[in-house]
Amino acid sequence: MTGAPQLGGRAALVTGASRGIGLEVARVLAAEGMRVAMLARSEGALRAAAAKIGERAIAVPCDVGNADAVEQAARTVRGAFAGSPDVIVNCAGVFQLAPVEQTSADAFRRALDVNLVAPFLIVRAFLADMRARASGHIVTIGSIADRAVFPENAAYAASKFGARAMHETLRMELRGSGVRASLVSPGPVDTALWDEIDPDTRPGFTPRREMLSASAVAEAVRYVVMQPAAVNIDELRLSHS
């Protein structure tokens, strides 16, 4: 691609990187030659995943729903990369279904902390550096639920609508700065988040065989970050063909 950036030797931070979309994004970016800081709460699974990817992957155990843990992880990443990453991909997410009256305050708060507050904290930790060097790319993994409302989805939808609003604010604030911000919003994706819900047996839910794969979403992220520096993909919405 004419003018496409060369990713080799550059650095990325990916949250939710021990499984699902985050793991596939880490694999794809490492395959492009990037050093990748992989963040996730499950330390054992994270270190095993990083080991499989190889020397370009750095495991950084972190519960992104905890502000102190995010701050510590940001320091670790900055030290590993001798500065801020070139690309941030916020993939971490929690997803539970329940009617509003059966959704506990703790469950609602956890969805906001992981799906909305954590991306904000990760971006805030590195954005000033990106502005100063006039380069960088922030990719937010959204969802069909960042613009469509479904029953039993109050906590997740609230967090994802908020994440889309934060992305749109970033686009306005960063235009012309050299720092890009993109939202990748897939339809249902076949990941472990669905294991307890078992959508194949629930009327009105998309069967897992008809969902997007995590690798397909990762390829979309690769496409987004490989665009020429003068091109920003504001939003990319994905559905199963």
Protein backbone atom coordinates (compact mmCIF):
# COMPACT_ATOMS: atom_id res chain seq x y z
CA MET A 1 0.00 0.00 0.00
CA THR A 2 1.51 3.31 -1.08
CA GLY A 3 2.41 5.41 1.93
CA ALA A 4 1.41 2.69 4.39
CA PRO A 5 3.34 2.85 7.66
CA GLN A 6 5.97 0.26 8.40
CA LEU A 7 5.12 -1.30 11.75
CA GLY A 8 8.33 -3.25 12.26
CA GLY A 9 10.24 -2.05 15.29
CA ARG A 10 7.35 0.04 16.56
CA ALA A 11 5.47 -0.62 19.78
CA ALA A 12 1.86 -1.43 20.65
CA LEU A 13 -0.16 -1.91 23.82
CA VAL A 14 -3.11 -4.30 23.69
CA THR A 15 -5.53 -4.87 26.57
CA GLY A 16 -7.54 -8.04 27.09
CA ALA A 17 -4.64 -9.82 25.41
CA SER A 18 -4.79 -13.24 27.06
CA ARG A 19 -7.69 -14.45 24.90
CA GLY A 20 -10.26 -13.56 22.28
CA ILE A 21 -9.95 -10.42 20.21
CA GLY A 22 -7.09 -9.00 22.28
CA LEU A 23 -4.95 -12.10 21.83
CA GLU A 24 -5.57 -12.17 18.09
CA VAL A 25 -4.73 -8.48 17.78
CA ALA A 26 -1.47 -9.05 19.68
CA ARG A 27 -0.59 -11.92 17.33
CA VAL A 28 -1.34 -9.90 14.21
CA LEU A 29 0.66 -6.86 15.31
CA ALA A 30 3.61 -8.97 16.44
CA ALA A 31 3.54 -10.70 13.05
CA GLU A 32 3.91 -7.25 11.47
CA GLY A 33 7.13 -6.81 13.47
CA MET A 34 5.78 -4.73 16.33
CA ARG A 35 6.78 -5.12 19.96
CA VAL A 36 3.54 -5.74 21.83
CA ALA A 37 2.81 -5.14 25.51
CA MET A 38 0.01 -7.55 26.34
CA LEU A 39 -2.22 -6.60 29.29
CA ALA A 40 -4.70 -8.94 30.98
CA ARG A 41 -5.81 -9.94 34.44
CA SER A 42 -5.19 -13.70 34.12
CA GLU A 43 -1.42 -13.83 34.64
CA GLY A 44 -0.88 -17.50 33.84
CA ALA A 45 -2.84 -17.44 30.59
CA LEU A 46 -1.27 -14.11 29.64
CA ARG A 47 2.31 -15.30 30.10
CA ALA A 48 1.57 -18.51 28.19
CA ALA A 49 0.05 -16.51 25.32
CA ALA A 50 3.00 -14.10 25.21
CA ALA A 51 5.45 -17.01 25.20
CA LYS A 52 3.70 -18.50 22.17
CA ILE A 53 3.87 -15.22 20.28
CA GLY A 54 7.58 -14.94 20.99
CA GLU A 55 10.19 -12.38 21.88
CA ARG A 56 8.25 -9.41 20.54
CA ALA A 57 5.52 -9.96 23.16
CA ILE A 58 5.75 -8.60 26.70
CA ALA A 59 3.29 -9.89 29.31
CA VAL A 60 2.07 -7.17 31.68
CA PRO A 61 -0.43 -8.65 34.18
CA CYS A 62 -3.03 -6.01 34.99
CA ASP A 63 -6.64 -5.82 36.09
CA VAL A 64 -7.65 -2.91 33.88
CA GLY A 65 -10.73 -2.40 36.03
CA ASN A 66 -8.43 -1.24 38.84
CA ALA A 67 -7.09 2.31 38.44
CA ASP A 68 -3.98 1.70 40.55
CA ALA A 69 -3.14 -1.43 38.54
CA VAL A 70 -3.51 0.51 35.26
CA GLU A 71 -1.17 3.21 36.54
CA GLN A 72 1.45 0.60 37.48
CA ALA A 73 1.06 -1.16 34.13
CA ALA A 74 1.54 2.13 32.29
CA ARG A 75 4.84 2.65 34.11
CA THR A 76 5.92 -0.89 33.20
CA VAL A 77 5.03 -0.37 29.54
CA ARG A 78 6.79 2.98 29.41
CA GLY A 79 9.92 1.39 30.86
CA ALA A 80 9.83 -1.58 28.47
CA PHE A 81 9.45 0.67 25.43
CA ALA A 82 11.60 3.56 26.67
CA GLY A 83 8.57 5.74 26.09
CA SER A 84 4.96 5.50 25.04
CA PRO A 85 3.60 2.95 22.56
CA ASP A 86 2.90 3.93 18.96
CA VAL A 87 -0.42 2.08 18.91
CA ILE A 88 -2.95 1.42 21.68
CA VAL A 89 -5.71 -1.13 21.13
CA ASN A 90 -8.28 -1.26 23.93
CA CYS A 91 -9.87 -4.72 23.68
CA ALA A 92 -10.54 -5.71 27.30
CA GLY A 93 -14.19 -6.19 28.11
CA VAL A 94 -16.70 -7.81 30.42
CA PHE A 95 -20.16 -8.87 29.29
CA GLN A 96 -23.01 -10.12 31.46
CA LEU A 97 -26.70 -10.28 30.65
CA ALA A 98 -29.43 -9.47 33.16
CA PRO A 99 -32.58 -7.36 33.37
CA VAL A 100 -32.02 -4.00 35.00
CA GLU A 101 -33.68 -4.97 38.27
CA GLN A 102 -31.46 -8.07 38.50
CA THR A 103 -28.23 -6.23 37.69
CA SER A 104 -26.30 -5.53 40.87
CA ALA A 105 -24.62 -2.19 41.41
CA ASP A 106 -21.29 -4.01 41.56
CA ALA A 107 -21.87 -5.71 38.20
CA PHE A 108 -22.90 -2.41 36.61
CA ARG A 109 -19.88 -0.66 38.08
CA ARG A 110 -17.53 -3.43 36.94
CA ALA A 111 -18.78 -3.11 33.34
CA LEU A 112 -18.15 0.62 33.40
CA ASP A 113 -14.72 0.20 35.03
CA VAL A 114 -13.45 -2.36 32.50
CA ASN A 115 -15.23 -1.27 29.33
CA LEU A 116 -15.11 2.51 29.74
CA VAL A 117 -12.95 3.80 32.59
CA ALA A 118 -10.01 1.51 31.80
CA PRO A 119 -9.69 2.65 28.15
CA PHE A 120 -9.85 6.24 29.37
CA LEU A 121 -7.04 5.61 31.87
CA ILE A 122 -4.88 3.81 29.32
CA VAL A 123 -5.30 6.60 26.76
CA ARG A 124 -4.74 9.34 29.32
CA ALA A 125 -1.46 7.73 30.43
CA PHE A 126 0.11 8.08 26.99
CA LEU A 127 -1.79 10.72 25.04
CA ALA A 128 0.37 13.69 26.02
CA ASP A 129 3.46 11.90 24.69
CA MET A 130 1.67 11.07 21.45
CA ARG A 131 0.68 14.70 21.01
CA ALA A 132 4.23 15.87 21.72
CA ARG A 133 5.71 13.65 19.02
CA ALA A 134 2.74 14.25 16.67
CA SER A 135 2.15 10.55 16.05
CA GLY A 136 0.26 7.62 17.48
CA HIS A 137 -2.90 5.63 16.97
CA ILE A 138 -5.64 4.83 19.49
CA VAL A 139 -7.96 1.99 18.48
CA THR A 140 -11.09 1.30 20.50
CA ILE A 141 -12.85 -2.03 20.09
CA GLY A 142 -16.52 -1.17 20.22
CA SER A 143 -19.54 -3.35 19.55
CA ILE A 144 -22.88 -3.40 17.82
CA ALA A 145 -24.03 -2.50 21.35
CA ASP A 146 -22.31 0.90 21.10
CA ARG A 147 -25.28 2.11 19.02
CA ALA A 148 -27.98 -0.57 19.30
CA VAL A 149 -29.91 -1.47 22.46
CA PHE A 150 -30.87 -5.02 23.41
CA PRO A 151 -32.79 -6.44 26.38
CA GLU A 152 -30.75 -7.51 29.43
CA ASN A 153 -27.87 -5.39 28.19
CA ALA A 154 -28.01 -2.23 30.32
CA ALA A 155 -24.53 -2.41 31.84
CA TYR A 156 -22.71 -3.44 28.66
CA ALA A 157 -24.60 -1.01 26.42
CA ALA A 158 -24.04 1.88 28.82
CA SER A 159 -20.30 1.19 28.82
CA LYS A 160 -20.06 0.76 25.05
CA PHE A 161 -22.16 3.83 24.25
CA GLY A 162 -19.81 5.69 26.56
CA ALA A 163 -16.74 4.26 24.83
CA ARG A 164 -18.07 5.42 21.45
CA ALA A 165 -18.70 8.89 22.87
CA MET A 166 -15.15 9.01 24.23
CA HIS A 167 -13.81 7.95 20.83
CA GLU A 168 -15.77 10.68 19.06
CA THR A 169 -14.46 13.24 21.54
CA LEU A 170 -10.90 12.06 20.88
CA ARG A 171 -11.43 12.41 17.13
CA MET A 172 -12.50 16.02 17.57
CA GLU A 173 -9.65 16.87 19.94
CA LEU A 174 -6.94 15.09 17.93
CA ARG A 175 -7.81 16.18 14.41
CA GLY A 176 -4.71 17.72 12.84
CA SER A 177 -2.44 16.63 15.70
CA GLY A 178 -0.86 13.67 13.91
CA VAL A 179 -2.47 11.29 16.44
CA ARG A 180 -5.21 9.09 15.04
CA ALA A 181 -8.25 7.55 16.76
CA SER A 182 -10.34 4.74 15.30
CA LEU A 183 -13.37 2.81 16.49
CA VAL A 184 -13.77 -0.80 15.31
CA SER A 185 -17.30 -1.97 16.08
CA PRO A 186 -18.00 -5.64 15.31
CA GLY A 187 -21.25 -7.50 15.52
CA PRO A 188 -21.30 -10.62 17.73
CA VAL A 189 -17.87 -12.26 17.93
CA ASP A 190 -17.33 -15.90 18.88
CA THR A 191 -15.21 -15.62 22.02
CA ALA A 192 -15.24 -17.11 25.51
CA LEU A 193 -17.48 -14.26 26.68
CA TRP A 194 -20.39 -16.30 25.30
CA ASP A 195 -19.54 -19.55 27.12
CA GLU A 196 -21.84 -19.01 30.10
CA ILE A 197 -24.61 -17.45 28.03
CA ASP A 198 -24.82 -20.29 25.45
CA PRO A 199 -26.45 -18.25 22.65
CA ASP A 200 -27.09 -21.37 20.55
CA THR A 201 -29.90 -22.36 22.92
CA ARG A 202 -31.44 -18.93 23.45
CA PRO A 203 -34.12 -17.60 21.07
CA GLY A 204 -33.24 -14.30 19.44
CA PHE A 205 -29.48 -14.73 19.87
CA THR A 206 -27.00 -15.14 17.03
CA PRO A 207 -25.69 -18.74 16.94
CA ARG A 208 -21.95 -18.94 17.47
CA ARG A 209 -21.42 -20.45 14.02
CA GLU A 210 -22.83 -17.22 12.53
CA MET A 211 -20.67 -14.88 14.60
CA LEU A 212 -17.50 -13.17 13.45
CA SER A 213 -14.21 -14.75 14.46
CA ALA A 214 -11.77 -12.95 16.73
CA SER A 215 -9.14 -13.26 14.01
CA ALA A 216 -11.41 -11.41 11.56
CA VAL A 217 -11.68 -8.49 13.99
CA ALA A 218 -7.90 -8.53 14.44
CA GLU A 219 -7.44 -8.32 10.68
CA ALA A 220 -9.72 -5.28 10.68
CA VAL A 221 -7.50 -3.67 13.32
CA ARG A 222 -4.43 -4.41 11.20
CA TYR A 223 -6.14 -2.76 8.22
CA VAL A 224 -6.92 0.32 10.31
CA VAL A 225 -3.40 0.84 11.66
CA MET A 226 -1.79 0.14 8.28
CA GLN A 227 -3.42 3.12 6.60
CA PRO A 228 -1.17 6.00 5.46
CA ALA A 229 -0.44 8.56 8.16
CA ALA A 230 -2.69 11.13 6.47
CA VAL A 231 -5.67 8.74 6.57
CA ASN A 232 -7.78 8.09 9.65
CA ILE A 233 -10.51 5.48 9.68
CA ASP A 234 -12.93 7.17 12.03
CA GLU A 235 -15.13 4.13 12.44
CA LEU A 236 -15.20 0.63 10.98
CA ARG A 237 -18.35 -1.44 11.52
CA LEU A 238 -18.12 -5.19 10.99
CA SER A 239 -20.82 -7.80 10.39
CA HIS A 240 -20.86 -11.43 9.32
CA SER A 241 -21.41 -11.71 5.56
